[in-house]
Protein backbone atom coordinates (compact mmCIF):
# COMPACT_ATOMS: atom_id res chain seq x y z
CA MET A 1 0.00 0.00 0.00
CA THR A 2 1.49 3.34 -1.08
CA ALA A 3 0.43 6.62 0.54
CA LEU A 4 0.88 10.12 -0.87
CA ARG A 5 3.78 10.82 1.49
CA ASP A 6 5.61 7.71 0.22
CA LEU A 7 5.92 9.24 -3.24
CA GLY A 8 8.69 11.61 -2.18
CA LEU A 9 10.83 8.78 -0.82
CA LEU A 10 10.36 6.74 -3.99
CA ARG A 11 11.22 9.78 -6.12
CA LEU A 12 14.46 10.33 -4.24
CA ALA A 13 15.48 6.83 -5.29
CA ALA A 14 14.29 7.21 -8.88
CA LEU A 15 16.00 10.58 -9.28
CA GLY A 16 19.32 9.15 -8.15
CA LEU A 17 19.53 11.31 -5.02
CA VAL A 18 19.86 8.33 -2.68
CA GLY A 19 21.34 4.90 -3.10
CA PRO A 20 23.94 4.03 -5.75
CA ARG A 21 24.95 7.09 -7.73
CA ALA A 22 25.58 7.25 -11.46
CA PRO A 23 29.13 6.46 -12.61
CA SER A 24 29.36 9.72 -14.57
CA ALA A 25 27.63 13.03 -15.13
CA ALA A 26 26.48 11.85 -18.55
CA ALA A 27 24.90 8.76 -17.00
CA ALA A 28 23.17 10.84 -14.32
CA VAL A 29 21.67 13.20 -16.90
CA HIS A 30 20.72 10.32 -19.19
CA ARG A 31 18.73 8.69 -16.39
CA LEU A 32 16.76 11.88 -15.80
CA GLY A 33 16.17 12.47 -19.51
CA ALA A 34 16.82 16.16 -18.93
CA ALA A 35 17.78 18.24 -15.90
CA GLN A 36 16.76 21.82 -15.22
CA GLY A 37 19.50 24.18 -16.39
CA GLN A 38 18.22 27.76 -15.91
CA ASP A 39 20.54 28.31 -12.95
CA TYR A 40 23.86 27.05 -14.29
CA PRO A 41 25.75 26.76 -10.97
CA GLY A 42 22.76 25.04 -9.37
CA ALA A 43 22.46 22.63 -12.29
CA LEU A 44 26.09 21.62 -11.84
CA VAL A 45 25.42 20.85 -8.18
CA SER A 46 22.21 18.95 -8.94
CA VAL A 47 23.98 16.63 -11.37
CA ALA A 48 27.06 16.24 -9.14
CA LEU A 49 24.83 15.08 -6.26
CA ARG A 50 23.76 12.19 -8.46
CA THR A 51 27.27 10.99 -9.37
CA GLU A 52 29.70 8.70 -7.58
CA SER A 53 32.39 11.37 -7.43
CA ARG A 54 30.06 14.17 -6.22
CA LEU A 55 32.42 16.59 -7.96
CA ARG A 56 31.12 19.68 -9.72
CA ALA A 57 34.33 19.68 -11.76
CA ASP A 58 33.35 16.32 -13.27
CA VAL A 59 30.05 17.78 -14.49
CA GLU A 60 31.89 20.73 -16.01
CA ALA A 61 34.31 18.29 -17.65
CA ALA A 62 31.38 16.39 -19.19
CA LEU A 63 30.07 19.66 -20.64
CA ASP A 64 33.52 20.65 -21.91
CA ALA A 65 33.92 17.22 -23.52
CA GLY A 66 30.56 17.40 -25.28
CA GLU A 67 29.09 14.43 -23.38
CA VAL A 68 26.41 16.66 -21.84
CA VAL A 69 25.03 19.82 -23.43
CA ARG A 70 22.95 22.74 -22.20
CA SER A 71 20.26 24.05 -24.48
CA TRP A 72 16.50 24.54 -24.82
CA PRO A 73 15.27 20.98 -25.57
CA MET A 74 11.69 21.48 -24.35
CA ARG A 75 9.29 24.15 -23.05
CA GLY A 76 11.68 26.81 -24.35
CA THR A 77 13.60 26.35 -21.08
CA LEU A 78 17.28 25.65 -20.49
CA HIS A 79 18.10 22.06 -19.54
CA LEU A 80 21.09 19.76 -19.45
CA VAL A 81 20.72 16.69 -21.66
CA ALA A 82 22.97 13.90 -22.85
CA ALA A 83 24.49 15.29 -26.05
CA GLU A 84 23.23 12.45 -28.23
CA ASP A 85 19.64 13.15 -27.09
CA LEU A 86 19.38 16.86 -27.90
CA PRO A 87 18.46 16.51 -31.61
CA TRP A 88 15.55 14.15 -31.03
CA PHE A 89 14.33 16.18 -28.04
CA LEU A 90 14.27 19.27 -30.27
CA ASP A 91 12.49 17.43 -33.07
CA THR A 92 9.89 15.84 -30.77
CA VAL A 93 9.01 18.34 -28.04
CA GLY A 94 11.32 21.31 -28.59
CA VAL A 95 9.45 22.36 -31.71
CA ARG A 96 6.34 23.02 -29.64
CA ALA A 97 8.05 26.05 -28.11
CA LEU A 98 7.91 27.66 -31.56
CA ASN A 99 4.10 27.69 -31.57
CA GLY A 100 2.87 31.25 -31.57
CA ILE A 101 6.32 32.66 -32.29
CA GLY A 102 4.77 35.14 -34.71
CA ARG A 103 3.29 37.11 -31.80
CA ARG A 104 6.67 37.33 -30.11
CA TRP A 105 8.33 38.41 -33.34
CA ALA A 106 5.73 41.13 -33.77
CA GLN A 107 6.51 42.42 -30.26
CA LEU A 108 10.24 42.44 -31.00
CA GLU A 109 9.82 43.71 -34.59
CA LEU A 110 11.58 40.61 -35.90
CA ASP A 111 10.79 38.56 -38.98
CA GLU A 112 12.02 35.47 -40.76
CA VAL A 113 14.39 37.43 -43.00
CA GLN A 114 16.20 38.87 -39.97
CA ALA A 115 16.25 35.51 -38.16
CA GLU A 116 17.77 33.76 -41.18
CA ARG A 117 20.30 36.55 -41.60
CA ALA A 118 21.30 35.98 -37.96
CA ARG A 119 21.66 32.26 -38.75
CA GLU A 120 24.00 33.05 -41.66
CA VAL A 121 26.11 35.24 -39.39
CA VAL A 122 26.52 32.64 -36.64
CA LEU A 123 27.28 29.91 -39.16
CA GLY A 124 30.00 32.12 -40.58
CA ALA A 125 31.35 32.93 -37.13
CA LEU A 126 31.42 29.38 -35.76
CA THR A 127 31.90 26.94 -38.64
CA GLY A 128 35.07 24.95 -38.28
CA GLY A 129 34.86 24.23 -34.57
CA ARG A 130 35.02 27.84 -33.43
CA ARG A 131 33.35 29.02 -30.23
CA ALA A 132 31.96 32.34 -29.05
CA THR A 133 30.56 33.96 -25.95
CA ARG A 134 27.05 35.31 -25.95
CA ALA A 135 28.40 38.86 -26.19
CA GLU A 136 30.63 37.98 -29.14
CA LEU A 137 27.80 36.34 -31.06
CA LEU A 138 25.45 39.24 -30.41
CA ALA A 139 28.09 41.69 -31.61
CA ALA A 140 28.56 39.65 -34.79
CA ILE A 141 24.81 39.51 -35.44
CA ASP A 142 24.50 43.23 -34.87
CA GLU A 143 27.42 43.94 -37.21
CA GLY A 144 25.76 41.62 -39.72
CA GLY A 145 22.79 43.95 -39.96
CA VAL A 146 20.33 42.53 -37.42
CA PRO A 147 19.86 44.78 -34.36
CA VAL A 148 20.09 42.97 -31.02
CA THR A 149 18.76 45.68 -28.71
CA GLY A 150 16.42 44.86 -25.82
CA GLN A 151 15.26 41.26 -25.85
CA ARG A 152 15.97 40.77 -29.56
CA GLY A 153 19.46 39.39 -29.00
CA TYR A 154 18.47 36.80 -26.40
CA HIS A 155 15.49 35.76 -28.50
CA LEU A 156 17.61 35.26 -31.61
CA LEU A 157 20.12 33.04 -29.79
CA TRP A 158 17.22 31.09 -28.29
CA TYR A 159 15.55 30.73 -31.68
CA LEU A 160 18.73 29.57 -33.41
CA SER A 161 19.25 27.02 -30.64
CA GLN A 162 15.61 25.94 -30.69
CA THR A 163 15.82 25.33 -34.44
CA GLY A 164 18.98 23.22 -34.20
CA THR A 165 21.80 25.56 -35.22
CA LEU A 166 23.34 26.45 -31.85
CA CYS A 167 23.84 24.91 -28.43
CA LEU A 168 25.91 25.80 -25.39
CA GLY A 169 29.19 23.91 -25.27
CA PRO A 170 32.43 24.24 -23.32
CA THR A 171 33.33 26.99 -20.88
CA ASP A 172 35.95 29.68 -21.27
CA GLY A 173 38.55 30.56 -18.65
CA ALA A 174 36.04 32.68 -16.74
CA GLY A 175 33.49 29.88 -16.46
CA GLU A 176 31.10 31.22 -19.12
CA GLN A 177 29.61 28.66 -21.47
CA LEU A 178 30.42 29.24 -25.12
CA PHE A 179 28.07 28.81 -28.07
CA VAL A 180 28.95 26.20 -30.68
CA LEU A 181 27.28 24.77 -33.76
CA LEU A 182 25.10 21.84 -32.74
CA ASP A 183 25.94 19.72 -35.79
CA GLU A 184 29.67 20.11 -35.16
CA TRP A 185 29.55 19.70 -31.38
CA ILE A 186 27.28 16.64 -31.18
CA ARG A 187 29.25 14.04 -33.05
CA THR A 188 27.03 10.97 -32.59
CA PRO A 189 23.39 12.08 -32.41
CA ARG A 190 20.69 9.47 -31.93
CA ARG A 191 18.18 9.38 -34.74
CA LEU A 192 14.66 8.36 -33.67
CA ASP A 193 11.45 8.49 -35.63
CA ARG A 194 8.55 10.19 -33.90
CA ASP A 195 6.98 7.05 -32.45
CA GLU A 196 10.34 5.87 -31.11
CA ALA A 197 11.03 9.29 -29.62
CA LEU A 198 7.68 9.49 -27.83
CA ALA A 199 8.23 6.02 -26.38
CA GLU A 200 11.76 6.92 -25.29
CA LEU A 201 10.53 10.13 -23.69
CA ALA A 202 7.90 8.28 -21.65
CA LEU A 203 10.25 5.50 -20.57
CA ARG A 204 13.05 7.84 -19.53
CA PHE A 205 10.75 10.20 -17.62
CA PHE A 206 8.91 7.55 -15.63
CA THR A 207 12.12 5.61 -14.97
CA GLY A 208 14.03 8.68 -13.79
CA HIS A 209 11.16 10.54 -12.08
CA GLY A 210 8.50 8.00 -11.15
CA PRO A 211 6.20 7.60 -9.40
CA ALA A 212 4.73 10.26 -11.65
CA THR A 213 1.55 10.83 -13.61
CA VAL A 214 0.70 11.42 -17.24
CA ALA A 215 -0.02 15.04 -16.30
CA ASP A 216 3.48 15.32 -14.82
CA LEU A 217 5.07 14.24 -18.10
CA VAL A 218 2.81 16.55 -20.12
CA ARG A 219 3.98 19.48 -18.00
CA TRP A 220 7.64 18.42 -17.81
CA ALA A 221 8.06 17.99 -21.57
CA GLY A 222 5.61 20.67 -22.67
CA SER A 223 3.95 17.92 -24.68
CA THR A 224 0.33 16.98 -25.29
CA VAL A 225 -1.75 14.37 -23.50
CA ARG A 226 -2.24 12.60 -26.82
CA ASP A 227 1.50 12.32 -27.51
CA VAL A 228 2.29 11.27 -23.95
CA ARG A 229 -0.34 8.54 -24.04
CA ALA A 230 0.95 7.34 -27.41
CA GLY A 231 4.48 7.05 -26.08
CA LEU A 232 3.32 5.44 -22.87
CA ALA A 233 1.33 2.79 -24.72
CA ALA A 234 4.57 1.51 -26.27
CA VAL A 235 6.41 1.14 -22.94
CA ARG A 236 3.71 0.60 -20.33
CA ASP A 237 4.67 -3.05 -19.96
CA ARG A 238 8.12 -1.91 -18.76
CA LEU A 239 6.69 0.27 -15.99
CA GLU A 240 4.92 -0.44 -12.72
CA PRO A 241 1.65 1.32 -11.94
CA VAL A 242 0.65 2.33 -8.42
CA THR A 243 -2.60 4.02 -7.44
CA VAL A 244 -2.56 6.63 -4.69
CA GLU A 245 -5.76 8.35 -3.60
CA GLY A 246 -7.42 7.36 -6.87
CA THR A 247 -4.62 8.64 -9.14
CA GLU A 248 -2.40 6.34 -11.20
CA TYR A 249 1.35 6.84 -10.95
CA LEU A 250 3.97 5.01 -13.02
CA MET A 251 7.55 4.10 -12.13
CA ASP A 252 10.46 1.81 -12.87
CA PRO A 253 9.69 -1.59 -11.29
CA GLY A 254 13.13 -1.45 -9.65
CA THR A 255 12.49 1.80 -7.78
CA PRO A 256 10.98 0.24 -4.61
CA ASP A 257 14.05 -1.98 -4.26
CA ARG A 258 16.35 1.01 -4.77
CA LEU A 259 14.53 2.78 -1.99
CA ALA A 260 14.58 -0.24 0.32
CA ALA A 261 18.36 -0.47 -0.05
CA ALA A 262 18.79 3.23 0.78
CA ARG A 263 15.92 3.73 3.23
CA ALA A 264 18.00 5.24 6.02
CA GLU A 265 19.61 7.74 3.65
CA ALA A 266 16.25 8.63 2.09
CA GLU A 267 14.67 9.34 5.48
CA GLY A 268 17.52 11.60 6.60
CA PRO A 269 18.00 15.29 5.78
CA LEU A 270 19.13 16.28 2.29
CA LEU A 271 19.96 19.70 0.84
CA LEU A 272 19.12 20.53 -2.75
CA PRO A 273 19.90 23.59 -4.88
CA GLY A 274 17.10 25.61 -6.41
CA PHE A 275 15.55 24.26 -9.63
CA ASP A 276 16.31 20.62 -8.78
CA GLU A 277 14.16 18.03 -10.55
CA PHE A 278 12.85 16.79 -7.19
CA VAL A 279 10.69 19.90 -7.08
CA LEU A 280 10.47 21.10 -10.68
CA GLY A 281 10.03 17.73 -12.38
CA TYR A 282 6.31 17.47 -11.64
CA ALA A 283 3.09 19.29 -12.48
CA ASP A 284 1.67 18.51 -9.05
CA ARG A 285 4.21 19.04 -6.25
CA THR A 286 1.88 18.52 -3.31
CA ALA A 287 3.26 15.03 -2.65
CA VAL A 288 6.54 16.64 -1.50
CA VAL A 289 5.68 20.31 -0.92
CA PRO A 290 2.69 21.14 1.32
CA ALA A 291 0.39 23.39 -0.69
CA GLU A 292 0.33 26.04 2.03
CA PHE A 293 4.11 26.42 1.77
CA ALA A 294 4.51 26.28 -2.02
CA THR A 295 5.08 30.02 -2.33
CA ARG A 296 8.07 29.80 0.02
CA ILE A 297 9.99 27.96 -2.70
CA VAL A 298 9.16 30.45 -5.43
CA PRO A 299 8.22 33.75 -3.72
CA GLY A 300 5.75 35.83 -5.64
CA ASN A 301 5.66 33.14 -8.32
CA ASN A 302 8.60 34.97 -9.90
CA GLY A 303 10.12 31.85 -11.49
CA MET A 304 13.16 31.84 -9.19
CA PHE A 305 13.16 28.62 -7.18
CA ARG A 306 14.94 28.60 -3.83
CA SER A 307 17.17 25.87 -2.42
CA THR A 308 15.37 23.33 -0.25
CA VAL A 309 15.82 21.06 2.75
CA VAL A 310 14.27 17.62 2.30
CA HIS A 311 13.53 15.25 5.19
CA ARG A 312 11.80 11.88 4.82
CA GLY A 313 10.97 12.76 1.23
CA GLN A 314 9.28 16.06 2.12
CA VAL A 315 10.45 19.64 1.61
CA VAL A 316 10.55 21.05 5.15
CA ALA A 317 12.49 24.31 4.68
CA VAL A 318 14.26 26.62 2.26
CA TRP A 319 17.82 27.78 2.77
CA ARG A 320 20.50 30.04 1.36
CA TRP A 321 24.05 31.13 2.07
CA ALA A 322 24.40 34.41 3.96
CA GLY A 323 27.63 36.39 4.25
CA ARG A 324 30.96 35.64 2.62
CA GLY A 325 34.20 33.84 3.31
CA ALA A 326 34.83 32.85 6.91
CA LYS A 327 31.66 34.70 7.96
CA ARG A 328 29.43 32.73 5.62
CA THR A 329 26.49 31.08 7.38
CA VAL A 330 23.35 29.21 6.39
CA ASP A 331 20.09 31.15 6.53
CA LEU A 332 17.42 28.54 7.23
CA GLU A 333 13.66 29.15 6.90
CA PRO A 334 11.70 26.14 8.19
CA TYR A 335 8.06 25.71 7.28
CA THR A 336 7.15 24.45 10.75
CA GLU A 337 9.16 23.19 13.70
CA LEU A 338 11.84 20.94 12.24
CA PRO A 339 12.27 17.35 13.40
CA PRO A 340 15.05 16.86 15.99
CA GLY A 341 18.52 17.03 14.51
CA VAL A 342 17.57 18.43 11.10
CA ALA A 343 18.46 22.06 11.76
CA ALA A 344 21.76 21.05 13.39
CA ALA A 345 22.68 18.94 10.34
CA VAL A 346 22.03 21.67 7.76
CA PRO A 347 25.31 23.67 8.04
CA GLY A 348 27.40 20.53 7.60
CA LEU A 349 25.30 19.36 4.69
CA ALA A 350 25.60 22.76 3.03
CA ALA A 351 29.37 22.81 3.47
CA ALA A 352 29.59 19.33 1.92
CA LEU A 353 27.65 20.23 -1.24
CA PRO A 354 29.63 19.89 -4.49
């Protein structure tokens, strides 16, 4: 018998946050399908927490080596994905972010002629394995005759990435990710037809996030119920259903055993950076975040998710670093009175984060 509060514990196991960690950053990201990437430093920590080494440097190395890439594979939102997966993500769910683009172009006074001129410029600037910062590419586009004032520049780089020309690749000496040409950077892309891609999407999501619902996958991928159900039909026999309070959830059949082997770890305190999949990977977060405290994670619904403290599979507080250097401390905001020992464990857990 599974209760609503059990879902958080099972998700910790599925998401690779407890139990055996992935052997590499690429493997950790592959298991998730995609990992939130809006906050780049936080994304590095999220992936590192899921690897055997727990080293942020290893995640950066995977990005620099082209094993993992950061781009806009779905929902028009930055994510980390295994490099080989980016093309089929773009073709299957990424294209949906282009719906209604005409309205945005009208607001920005852009059109297809300007967008394609920007594409010509970046192809000329990057072909042959060259790399460029965001500022360098925007300067080149501007010099090429397409103004990049206001939001036009960001939108053009997003559009060229969304349509398969650009992606974010290695970092420069200052830690800024550089733009590269997708076709040059991703050397061995997987090629899936649409039915295969929908099936792969469903299998990877429910394996790496389950227990989760169809609605969760629709929200996560920015897909449609019809497409999600079509993909699920092809892989349902490889997933285990569980019904909680009248709602069907799906997961990898091995997830309960993963949790059983790591039960003590899963029930202890855990610190996560903002934007981690444990919170953002689901349409309905009430299984792990009490509804009355949801706004604490994203104050004012401003899209900026705060770092969380998880205990027994539930988000029980938000936290942040305060001060600098030797005077740096952890600012902890519990939702209610914390269980014994949790508050005392937080500073050490924060200091041990990758």
